[in-house]
Amino acid sequence: MTIDAKIIKQLRDKTGISVMECKRALEQTNGDLERAADLLRERSIELAKKKSGRSAKEGAIGAYVHTGGKIGVLVELNAETDFVARNEQFQALLKDICLQVAASAPKYTSREEVPEGVLEAKQQEYGEIERFLEEACLLEQPFIKDPGRKIREVIEQAISKFGENITVRRFTRFEMGKHEGDAS
C-alpha cells in the first residue's frame, strides 16, 4: 500500500515521531491516521517503559519567570546523554515543562511522590483520587499546549523520539506572597 506523503507529514506533525515510523504505522493501519496515531502512542509508552530503568544523569535546568515577575520556576529535566540534553527539541520540552509548572502549580512530580496520608485525606475530600492526582502531580496534568495529552505522554513521546530515558527529576515554583505550606 502506498501512503500519501501529506498524510505521513500530518502524522509526523501530530506525533513528533520519525517519518519512517509514521509511514510504518500508516501502512499497518491501512492509512487510518487516528489508528496510526494510537499505534504510535502505544509504542511510545512501551518504549518509555523499557527505557525507564536506564540511568538519566545528564540533562539541563530550565528557568522561567512569568511576565510581571510574580511567578518563577526552575525545572531539572534529565536525559541519558549530554548530546540529547543540548538538543533544541529537548530544550523546547524543558521550556514547555517550565511553563506547565508556572501555569498549573503542581505539588508533586508523580503520583508515587504523594504521601499516603495525603492520598487518604484527598480520597475523602474529592471522593475519588484521580481528579486530585491530575491537579497535584505534574506528570498527570493535561498539557497546557494540548489538553488531550498528559505531561507523562509528552515525555513518553520525547523518549520515543530521542531513544533515551527522560525524567523530570525535580521542580520548584515560586509565587510572590506565597510560602511553602500556604494553601493554593
N, C-alpha and C. Protein backbone atom coordinates (compact mmCIF):
# COMPACT_ATOMS: atom_id res chain seq x y z
N MET A 1 0.84 -1.18 0.00
CA MET A 1 0.00 0.00 0.00
C MET A 1 0.89 1.25 0.00
N THR A 2 0.59 2.18 -0.88
CA THR A 2 1.33 3.44 -0.95
C THR A 2 0.61 4.47 -0.09
N ILE A 3 1.38 5.11 0.78
CA ILE A 3 0.83 6.12 1.68
C ILE A 3 1.22 7.50 1.16
N ASP A 4 0.25 8.38 1.06
CA ASP A 4 0.48 9.74 0.59
C ASP A 4 1.40 10.48 1.56
N ALA A 5 2.37 11.19 1.02
CA ALA A 5 3.35 11.92 1.83
C ALA A 5 2.67 12.98 2.71
N LYS A 6 1.55 13.52 2.25
CA LYS A 6 0.83 14.53 3.04
C LYS A 6 0.29 13.92 4.33
N ILE A 7 -0.19 12.69 4.25
CA ILE A 7 -0.73 12.01 5.44
C ILE A 7 0.41 11.68 6.39
N ILE A 8 1.55 11.24 5.83
CA ILE A 8 2.72 10.95 6.66
C ILE A 8 3.14 12.23 7.40
N LYS A 9 3.17 13.34 6.69
CA LYS A 9 3.55 14.62 7.30
C LYS A 9 2.56 15.02 8.39
N GLN A 10 1.27 14.81 8.13
CA GLN A 10 0.25 15.13 9.15
C GLN A 10 0.51 14.34 10.43
N LEU A 11 0.78 13.04 10.26
CA LEU A 11 1.02 12.18 11.42
C LEU A 11 2.30 12.59 12.13
N ARG A 12 3.32 12.92 11.37
CA ARG A 12 4.59 13.37 11.95
C ARG A 12 4.38 14.66 12.74
N ASP A 13 3.64 15.61 12.17
CA ASP A 13 3.37 16.87 12.86
C ASP A 13 2.57 16.64 14.13
N LYS A 14 1.66 15.69 14.07
CA LYS A 14 0.79 15.40 15.22
C LYS A 14 1.55 14.70 16.35
N THR A 15 2.48 13.79 15.98
CA THR A 15 3.12 12.95 16.99
C THR A 15 4.57 13.31 17.29
N GLY A 16 5.25 13.92 16.32
CA GLY A 16 6.67 14.21 16.51
C GLY A 16 7.57 13.00 16.29
N ILE A 17 6.99 11.88 15.89
CA ILE A 17 7.74 10.65 15.66
C ILE A 17 8.36 10.71 14.26
N SER A 18 9.43 9.95 14.05
CA SER A 18 10.15 9.99 12.78
C SER A 18 9.24 9.65 11.59
N VAL A 19 9.64 10.14 10.43
CA VAL A 19 8.88 9.92 9.19
C VAL A 19 8.73 8.43 8.91
N MET A 20 9.80 7.67 9.07
CA MET A 20 9.75 6.22 8.78
C MET A 20 8.79 5.49 9.73
N GLU A 21 8.82 5.86 11.00
CA GLU A 21 7.91 5.23 11.97
C GLU A 21 6.46 5.60 11.64
N CYS A 22 6.23 6.83 11.25
CA CYS A 22 4.88 7.27 10.86
C CYS A 22 4.41 6.49 9.64
N LYS A 23 5.30 6.33 8.67
CA LYS A 23 4.95 5.59 7.45
C LYS A 23 4.60 4.14 7.79
N ARG A 24 5.43 3.50 8.65
CA ARG A 24 5.16 2.11 9.05
C ARG A 24 3.80 1.99 9.75
N ALA A 25 3.52 2.93 10.65
CA ALA A 25 2.26 2.90 11.39
C ALA A 25 1.08 3.08 10.44
N LEU A 26 1.19 3.97 9.48
CA LEU A 26 0.12 4.17 8.50
C LEU A 26 -0.06 2.94 7.61
N GLU A 27 1.03 2.30 7.26
CA GLU A 27 0.94 1.07 6.46
C GLU A 27 0.23 -0.03 7.26
N GLN A 28 0.54 -0.13 8.54
CA GLN A 28 -0.08 -1.16 9.39
C GLN A 28 -1.55 -0.90 9.63
N THR A 29 -1.96 0.36 9.52
CA THR A 29 -3.37 0.70 9.77
C THR A 29 -4.11 1.06 8.48
N ASN A 30 -3.54 0.68 7.36
CA ASN A 30 -4.15 0.94 6.05
C ASN A 30 -4.49 2.42 5.84
N GLY A 31 -3.57 3.29 6.29
CA GLY A 31 -3.74 4.72 6.04
C GLY A 31 -4.66 5.44 7.01
N ASP A 32 -5.14 4.77 8.06
CA ASP A 32 -6.03 5.40 9.04
C ASP A 32 -5.20 6.25 10.00
N LEU A 33 -5.31 7.55 9.86
CA LEU A 33 -4.50 8.50 10.62
C LEU A 33 -4.69 8.35 12.13
N GLU A 34 -5.92 8.26 12.58
CA GLU A 34 -6.19 8.16 14.02
C GLU A 34 -5.68 6.85 14.61
N ARG A 35 -5.91 5.76 13.90
CA ARG A 35 -5.41 4.46 14.40
C ARG A 35 -3.89 4.44 14.40
N ALA A 36 -3.27 5.05 13.40
CA ALA A 36 -1.81 5.12 13.34
C ALA A 36 -1.27 5.94 14.51
N ALA A 37 -1.94 7.05 14.83
CA ALA A 37 -1.52 7.88 15.97
C ALA A 37 -1.64 7.09 17.27
N ASP A 38 -2.73 6.33 17.41
CA ASP A 38 -2.90 5.49 18.60
C ASP A 38 -1.80 4.43 18.69
N LEU A 39 -1.48 3.82 17.55
CA LEU A 39 -0.43 2.80 17.49
C LEU A 39 0.91 3.39 17.91
N LEU A 40 1.23 4.57 17.40
CA LEU A 40 2.48 5.22 17.76
C LEU A 40 2.50 5.60 19.24
N ARG A 41 1.36 6.02 19.77
CA ARG A 41 1.26 6.35 21.20
C ARG A 41 1.54 5.11 22.04
N GLU A 42 0.96 3.97 21.65
CA GLU A 42 1.19 2.71 22.37
C GLU A 42 2.66 2.32 22.31
N ARG A 43 3.27 2.47 21.15
CA ARG A 43 4.70 2.15 21.01
C ARG A 43 5.55 3.07 21.88
N SER A 44 5.17 4.33 21.96
CA SER A 44 5.91 5.29 22.80
C SER A 44 5.85 4.88 24.26
N ILE A 45 4.67 4.44 24.70
CA ILE A 45 4.51 4.00 26.09
C ILE A 45 5.37 2.77 26.36
N GLU A 46 5.35 1.81 25.43
CA GLU A 46 6.17 0.60 25.59
C GLU A 46 7.65 0.95 25.64
N LEU A 47 8.09 1.82 24.74
CA LEU A 47 9.49 2.22 24.70
C LEU A 47 9.87 2.94 25.99
N ALA A 48 8.99 3.81 26.46
CA ALA A 48 9.27 4.55 27.70
C ALA A 48 9.42 3.58 28.87
N LYS A 49 8.58 2.55 28.92
CA LYS A 49 8.69 1.56 30.00
C LYS A 49 10.02 0.83 29.92
N LYS A 50 10.46 0.47 28.71
CA LYS A 50 11.74 -0.22 28.54
C LYS A 50 12.90 0.68 28.97
N LYS A 51 12.81 1.94 28.66
CA LYS A 51 13.90 2.88 28.94
C LYS A 51 13.89 3.37 30.38
N SER A 52 12.77 3.22 31.09
CA SER A 52 12.62 3.82 32.42
C SER A 52 13.66 3.33 33.43
N GLY A 53 14.18 2.14 33.26
CA GLY A 53 15.17 1.62 34.19
C GLY A 53 16.56 2.16 33.94
N ARG A 54 16.75 2.80 32.80
CA ARG A 54 18.07 3.31 32.45
C ARG A 54 18.34 4.62 33.17
N SER A 55 19.60 4.81 33.53
CA SER A 55 20.00 5.99 34.29
C SER A 55 19.99 7.24 33.42
N ALA A 56 19.35 8.27 33.92
CA ALA A 56 19.30 9.57 33.24
C ALA A 56 20.00 10.58 34.13
N LYS A 57 21.32 10.72 33.97
CA LYS A 57 22.10 11.58 34.85
C LYS A 57 22.56 12.87 34.17
N GLU A 58 22.34 12.98 32.89
CA GLU A 58 22.66 14.21 32.19
C GLU A 58 21.37 15.02 32.12
N GLY A 59 21.40 16.17 31.53
CA GLY A 59 20.18 16.95 31.40
C GLY A 59 20.44 18.42 31.48
N ALA A 60 19.42 19.14 31.87
CA ALA A 60 19.52 20.59 31.95
C ALA A 60 18.52 21.11 32.97
N ILE A 61 18.82 22.30 33.45
CA ILE A 61 17.90 23.00 34.34
C ILE A 61 17.32 24.16 33.54
N GLY A 62 16.01 24.24 33.53
CA GLY A 62 15.34 25.32 32.84
C GLY A 62 14.74 26.28 33.84
N ALA A 63 14.66 27.55 33.44
CA ALA A 63 14.09 28.58 34.29
C ALA A 63 13.06 29.37 33.51
N TYR A 64 12.03 29.79 34.22
CA TYR A 64 11.01 30.63 33.60
C TYR A 64 10.52 31.62 34.64
N VAL A 65 10.45 32.89 34.26
CA VAL A 65 9.86 33.92 35.12
C VAL A 65 8.70 34.51 34.34
N HIS A 66 7.52 34.40 34.92
CA HIS A 66 6.30 34.86 34.25
C HIS A 66 6.31 36.39 34.14
N THR A 67 5.69 36.89 33.10
CA THR A 67 5.59 38.33 32.87
C THR A 67 5.13 39.03 34.15
N GLY A 68 5.83 40.05 34.51
CA GLY A 68 5.49 40.78 35.75
C GLY A 68 6.32 40.32 36.93
N GLY A 69 7.05 39.21 36.77
CA GLY A 69 7.94 38.74 37.81
C GLY A 69 7.28 38.23 39.07
N LYS A 70 6.02 37.80 39.00
CA LYS A 70 5.31 37.32 40.20
C LYS A 70 5.41 35.81 40.39
N ILE A 71 5.75 35.08 39.31
CA ILE A 71 5.89 33.62 39.38
C ILE A 71 7.21 33.25 38.70
N GLY A 72 7.97 32.39 39.36
CA GLY A 72 9.22 31.89 38.80
C GLY A 72 9.30 30.39 38.97
N VAL A 73 9.96 29.70 38.03
CA VAL A 73 10.03 28.25 38.04
C VAL A 73 11.44 27.79 37.69
N LEU A 74 11.91 26.74 38.36
CA LEU A 74 13.12 26.02 38.00
C LEU A 74 12.73 24.56 37.83
N VAL A 75 13.18 23.93 36.74
CA VAL A 75 12.89 22.52 36.48
C VAL A 75 14.18 21.82 36.08
N GLU A 76 14.43 20.64 36.67
CA GLU A 76 15.55 19.80 36.25
C GLU A 76 14.98 18.65 35.42
N LEU A 77 15.35 18.63 34.14
CA LEU A 77 14.93 17.58 33.22
C LEU A 77 16.16 16.77 32.85
N ASN A 78 16.11 15.47 33.10
CA ASN A 78 17.27 14.61 32.87
C ASN A 78 17.10 13.73 31.64
N ALA A 79 18.23 13.45 30.99
CA ALA A 79 18.32 12.52 29.87
C ALA A 79 19.55 11.64 30.12
N GLU A 80 19.75 10.66 29.26
CA GLU A 80 20.89 9.76 29.45
C GLU A 80 22.20 10.36 28.97
N THR A 81 22.14 11.24 27.98
CA THR A 81 23.37 11.78 27.42
C THR A 81 23.31 13.30 27.31
N ASP A 82 24.47 13.91 27.36
CA ASP A 82 24.60 15.35 27.18
C ASP A 82 24.19 15.74 25.76
N PHE A 83 24.43 14.84 24.82
CA PHE A 83 24.06 15.08 23.42
C PHE A 83 22.57 15.38 23.30
N VAL A 84 21.73 14.59 23.93
CA VAL A 84 20.29 14.82 23.89
C VAL A 84 19.92 16.07 24.69
N ALA A 85 20.55 16.25 25.84
CA ALA A 85 20.22 17.40 26.69
C ALA A 85 20.48 18.74 26.00
N ARG A 86 21.43 18.78 25.08
CA ARG A 86 21.74 20.02 24.36
C ARG A 86 20.86 20.19 23.12
N ASN A 87 20.10 19.16 22.75
CA ASN A 87 19.27 19.19 21.56
C ASN A 87 18.18 20.27 21.68
N GLU A 88 17.91 20.95 20.58
CA GLU A 88 16.90 22.02 20.56
C GLU A 88 15.52 21.53 20.99
N GLN A 89 15.16 20.33 20.56
CA GLN A 89 13.83 19.79 20.90
C GLN A 89 13.75 19.44 22.38
N PHE A 90 14.85 18.95 22.95
CA PHE A 90 14.89 18.68 24.39
C PHE A 90 14.74 19.99 25.15
N GLN A 91 15.44 21.02 24.71
CA GLN A 91 15.35 22.33 25.35
C GLN A 91 13.93 22.91 25.24
N ALA A 92 13.27 22.66 24.10
CA ALA A 92 11.88 23.12 23.94
C ALA A 92 10.97 22.38 24.91
N LEU A 93 11.20 21.07 25.09
CA LEU A 93 10.43 20.28 26.06
C LEU A 93 10.63 20.84 27.46
N LEU A 94 11.86 21.15 27.80
CA LEU A 94 12.17 21.71 29.11
C LEU A 94 11.42 23.03 29.32
N LYS A 95 11.42 23.87 28.30
CA LYS A 95 10.71 25.15 28.39
C LYS A 95 9.20 24.93 28.57
N ASP A 96 8.64 23.97 27.82
CA ASP A 96 7.22 23.66 27.95
C ASP A 96 6.88 23.18 29.36
N ILE A 97 7.77 22.38 29.95
CA ILE A 97 7.52 21.87 31.30
C ILE A 97 7.61 23.02 32.31
N CYS A 98 8.54 23.94 32.10
CA CYS A 98 8.61 25.13 32.97
C CYS A 98 7.31 25.93 32.89
N LEU A 99 6.80 26.13 31.68
CA LEU A 99 5.54 26.85 31.50
C LEU A 99 4.40 26.12 32.19
N GLN A 100 4.39 24.80 32.08
CA GLN A 100 3.36 23.96 32.71
C GLN A 100 3.37 24.16 34.22
N VAL A 101 4.55 24.11 34.82
CA VAL A 101 4.67 24.27 36.27
C VAL A 101 4.21 25.67 36.69
N ALA A 102 4.58 26.68 35.91
CA ALA A 102 4.16 28.05 36.23
C ALA A 102 2.64 28.18 36.17
N ALA A 103 2.03 27.61 35.14
CA ALA A 103 0.59 27.76 34.91
C ALA A 103 -0.25 26.88 35.83
N SER A 104 0.22 25.67 36.11
CA SER A 104 -0.64 24.69 36.79
C SER A 104 -0.28 24.43 38.26
N ALA A 105 0.83 24.93 38.72
CA ALA A 105 1.23 24.84 40.13
C ALA A 105 1.11 23.43 40.73
N PRO A 106 1.75 22.42 40.11
CA PRO A 106 1.69 21.09 40.71
C PRO A 106 2.46 21.06 42.04
N LYS A 107 2.10 20.14 42.89
CA LYS A 107 2.77 19.99 44.18
C LYS A 107 3.82 18.87 44.14
N TYR A 108 3.58 17.87 43.29
CA TYR A 108 4.43 16.68 43.20
C TYR A 108 4.78 16.42 41.74
N THR A 109 5.87 15.70 41.52
CA THR A 109 6.23 15.33 40.15
C THR A 109 5.33 14.20 39.66
N SER A 110 5.21 13.14 40.47
CA SER A 110 4.43 11.97 40.06
C SER A 110 3.56 11.48 41.21
N ARG A 111 2.64 10.59 40.89
CA ARG A 111 1.75 10.04 41.90
C ARG A 111 2.51 9.25 42.97
N GLU A 112 3.66 8.70 42.60
CA GLU A 112 4.46 7.93 43.56
C GLU A 112 5.02 8.82 44.68
N GLU A 113 5.13 10.12 44.44
CA GLU A 113 5.67 11.05 45.44
C GLU A 113 4.63 11.52 46.46
N VAL A 114 3.37 11.29 46.19
CA VAL A 114 2.32 11.77 47.09
C VAL A 114 2.30 10.90 48.35
N PRO A 115 2.47 11.51 49.53
CA PRO A 115 2.45 10.73 50.77
C PRO A 115 1.11 10.01 50.96
N GLU A 116 1.17 8.84 51.54
CA GLU A 116 -0.03 8.02 51.75
C GLU A 116 -1.09 8.77 52.54
N GLY A 117 -0.68 9.50 53.56
CA GLY A 117 -1.64 10.26 54.37
C GLY A 117 -2.37 11.31 53.56
N VAL A 118 -1.67 11.94 52.63
CA VAL A 118 -2.29 12.95 51.76
C VAL A 118 -3.29 12.26 50.84
N LEU A 119 -2.91 11.10 50.29
CA LEU A 119 -3.83 10.36 49.41
C LEU A 119 -5.12 10.01 50.14
N GLU A 120 -4.99 9.54 51.36
CA GLU A 120 -6.18 9.16 52.14
C GLU A 120 -7.07 10.37 52.40
N ALA A 121 -6.46 11.49 52.80
CA ALA A 121 -7.23 12.71 53.08
C ALA A 121 -7.92 13.22 51.82
N LYS A 122 -7.21 13.19 50.71
CA LYS A 122 -7.77 13.70 49.45
C LYS A 122 -8.85 12.75 48.91
N GLN A 123 -8.71 11.47 49.19
CA GLN A 123 -9.73 10.49 48.79
C GLN A 123 -11.06 10.87 49.44
N GLN A 124 -11.02 11.23 50.70
CA GLN A 124 -12.23 11.64 51.40
C GLN A 124 -12.75 12.98 50.89
N GLU A 125 -11.83 13.92 50.65
CA GLU A 125 -12.22 15.26 50.20
C GLU A 125 -12.81 15.23 48.79
N TYR A 126 -12.17 14.53 47.87
CA TYR A 126 -12.58 14.52 46.46
C TYR A 126 -13.58 13.41 46.13
N GLY A 127 -13.61 12.36 46.95
CA GLY A 127 -14.48 11.23 46.65
C GLY A 127 -13.79 10.20 45.76
N GLU A 128 -12.96 10.66 44.87
CA GLU A 128 -12.11 9.79 44.06
C GLU A 128 -10.77 10.49 43.90
N ILE A 129 -9.74 9.75 43.71
CA ILE A 129 -8.40 10.29 43.80
C ILE A 129 -7.84 10.81 42.48
N GLU A 130 -8.37 10.37 41.35
CA GLU A 130 -7.82 10.74 40.05
C GLU A 130 -7.85 12.25 39.80
N ARG A 131 -8.92 12.91 40.18
CA ARG A 131 -9.00 14.36 39.96
C ARG A 131 -7.93 15.09 40.76
N PHE A 132 -7.73 14.67 42.01
CA PHE A 132 -6.67 15.26 42.83
C PHE A 132 -5.31 15.03 42.19
N LEU A 133 -5.02 13.80 41.74
CA LEU A 133 -3.72 13.50 41.14
C LEU A 133 -3.49 14.33 39.88
N GLU A 134 -4.55 14.56 39.11
CA GLU A 134 -4.44 15.37 37.90
C GLU A 134 -4.10 16.82 38.23
N GLU A 135 -4.56 17.30 39.35
CA GLU A 135 -4.27 18.67 39.76
C GLU A 135 -2.90 18.77 40.43
N ALA A 136 -2.55 17.79 41.25
CA ALA A 136 -1.38 17.90 42.12
C ALA A 136 -0.10 17.34 41.53
N CYS A 137 -0.18 16.41 40.57
CA CYS A 137 1.01 15.74 40.04
C CYS A 137 1.32 16.21 38.63
N LEU A 138 2.49 16.76 38.44
CA LEU A 138 2.90 17.29 37.14
C LEU A 138 2.68 16.30 36.01
N LEU A 139 3.13 15.06 36.18
CA LEU A 139 3.05 14.08 35.10
C LEU A 139 1.62 13.68 34.75
N GLU A 140 0.68 13.91 35.66
CA GLU A 140 -0.72 13.55 35.42
C GLU A 140 -1.54 14.71 34.88
N GLN A 141 -0.97 15.90 34.85
CA GLN A 141 -1.71 17.08 34.41
C GLN A 141 -1.89 17.09 32.89
N PRO A 142 -3.03 17.60 32.41
CA PRO A 142 -3.20 17.82 30.98
C PRO A 142 -2.18 18.87 30.52
N PHE A 143 -1.52 18.61 29.42
CA PHE A 143 -0.51 19.51 28.87
C PHE A 143 -1.19 20.81 28.44
N ILE A 144 -0.69 21.96 28.90
CA ILE A 144 -1.36 23.23 28.61
C ILE A 144 -1.41 23.56 27.13
N LYS A 145 -0.48 23.03 26.35
CA LYS A 145 -0.48 23.29 24.90
C LYS A 145 -1.33 22.30 24.13
N ASP A 146 -1.71 21.19 24.75
CA ASP A 146 -2.54 20.16 24.12
C ASP A 146 -3.25 19.38 25.23
N PRO A 147 -4.37 19.91 25.74
CA PRO A 147 -5.05 19.31 26.89
C PRO A 147 -5.51 17.85 26.69
N GLY A 148 -5.46 17.37 25.45
CA GLY A 148 -5.82 15.98 25.19
C GLY A 148 -4.73 15.00 25.60
N ARG A 149 -3.55 15.51 25.94
CA ARG A 149 -2.43 14.66 26.36
C ARG A 149 -1.95 15.10 27.74
N LYS A 150 -1.50 14.13 28.51
CA LYS A 150 -0.92 14.43 29.82
C LYS A 150 0.58 14.70 29.64
N ILE A 151 1.16 15.38 30.59
CA ILE A 151 2.61 15.66 30.55
C ILE A 151 3.38 14.34 30.43
N ARG A 152 2.93 13.31 31.12
CA ARG A 152 3.57 11.98 31.05
C ARG A 152 3.64 11.51 29.59
N GLU A 153 2.57 11.72 28.83
CA GLU A 153 2.53 11.29 27.43
C GLU A 153 3.46 12.13 26.56
N VAL A 154 3.59 13.41 26.87
CA VAL A 154 4.50 14.28 26.14
C VAL A 154 5.94 13.79 26.35
N ILE A 155 6.26 13.42 27.58
CA ILE A 155 7.61 12.92 27.88
C ILE A 155 7.82 11.55 27.23
N GLU A 156 6.80 10.68 27.25
CA GLU A 156 6.92 9.38 26.57
C GLU A 156 7.19 9.56 25.09
N GLN A 157 6.54 10.53 24.48
CA GLN A 157 6.76 10.82 23.06
C GLN A 157 8.21 11.27 22.84
N ALA A 158 8.73 12.09 23.74
CA ALA A 158 10.12 12.54 23.63
C ALA A 158 11.09 11.37 23.80
N ILE A 159 10.77 10.45 24.70
CA ILE A 159 11.60 9.26 24.88
C ILE A 159 11.64 8.46 23.58
N SER A 160 10.49 8.32 22.96
CA SER A 160 10.41 7.61 21.69
C SER A 160 11.22 8.32 20.61
N LYS A 161 11.15 9.62 20.58
CA LYS A 161 11.86 10.42 19.58
C LYS A 161 13.37 10.34 19.76
N PHE A 162 13.84 10.49 21.01
CA PHE A 162 15.28 10.53 21.27
C PHE A 162 15.90 9.15 21.52
N GLY A 163 15.07 8.17 21.87
CA GLY A 163 15.60 6.84 22.15
C GLY A 163 16.34 6.76 23.47
N GLU A 164 16.06 7.69 24.37
CA GLU A 164 16.69 7.73 25.68
C GLU A 164 15.64 7.95 26.75
N ASN A 165 15.97 7.50 27.97
CA ASN A 165 15.10 7.79 29.10
C ASN A 165 15.17 9.28 29.41
N ILE A 166 14.03 9.88 29.67
CA ILE A 166 13.93 11.29 30.04
C ILE A 166 13.04 11.37 31.27
N THR A 167 13.52 12.09 32.28
CA THR A 167 12.73 12.21 33.51
C THR A 167 12.76 13.64 34.04
N VAL A 168 11.65 14.01 34.66
CA VAL A 168 11.62 15.26 35.42
C VAL A 168 12.10 14.88 36.81
N ARG A 169 13.28 15.33 37.17
CA ARG A 169 13.83 14.96 38.47
C ARG A 169 13.21 15.77 39.59
N ARG A 170 13.08 17.10 39.35
CA ARG A 170 12.50 17.94 40.39
C ARG A 170 12.14 19.30 39.79
N PHE A 171 11.34 20.03 40.54
CA PHE A 171 10.98 21.38 40.13
C PHE A 171 10.69 22.21 41.38
N THR A 172 10.79 23.51 41.21
CA THR A 172 10.45 24.45 42.27
C THR A 172 9.67 25.58 41.62
N ARG A 173 8.61 25.97 42.29
CA ARG A 173 7.78 27.08 41.79
C ARG A 173 7.69 28.13 42.89
N PHE A 174 8.03 29.35 42.52
CA PHE A 174 7.98 30.47 43.45
C PHE A 174 6.84 31.38 43.01
N GLU A 175 6.06 31.85 43.98
CA GLU A 175 5.00 32.81 43.69
C GLU A 175 5.04 33.88 44.75
N MET A 176 5.07 35.13 44.31
CA MET A 176 5.13 36.25 45.24
C MET A 176 3.97 36.17 46.24
N GLY A 177 4.32 36.35 47.51
CA GLY A 177 3.28 36.36 48.54
C GLY A 177 2.91 35.00 49.07
N LYS A 178 3.37 33.93 48.44
CA LYS A 178 3.07 32.57 48.93
C LYS A 178 4.32 31.95 49.49
N HIS A 179 4.14 31.17 50.53
CA HIS A 179 5.25 30.48 51.16
C HIS A 179 4.94 28.99 51.22
N GLU A 180 5.99 28.19 51.37
CA GLU A 180 5.82 26.73 51.48
C GLU A 180 4.73 26.41 52.50
N GLY A 181 3.80 25.60 52.10
CA GLY A 181 2.73 25.19 53.01
C GLY A 181 1.48 26.05 52.92
N ASP A 182 1.57 27.20 52.23
CA ASP A 182 0.37 28.03 52.05
C ASP A 182 -0.67 27.27 51.22
N ALA A 183 -1.93 27.51 51.51
CA ALA A 183 -2.99 26.89 50.72
C ALA A 183 -2.97 27.48 49.32
N SER A 184 -3.26 26.67 48.34
CA SER A 184 -3.26 27.14 46.94
C SER A 184 -4.50 27.88 46.60
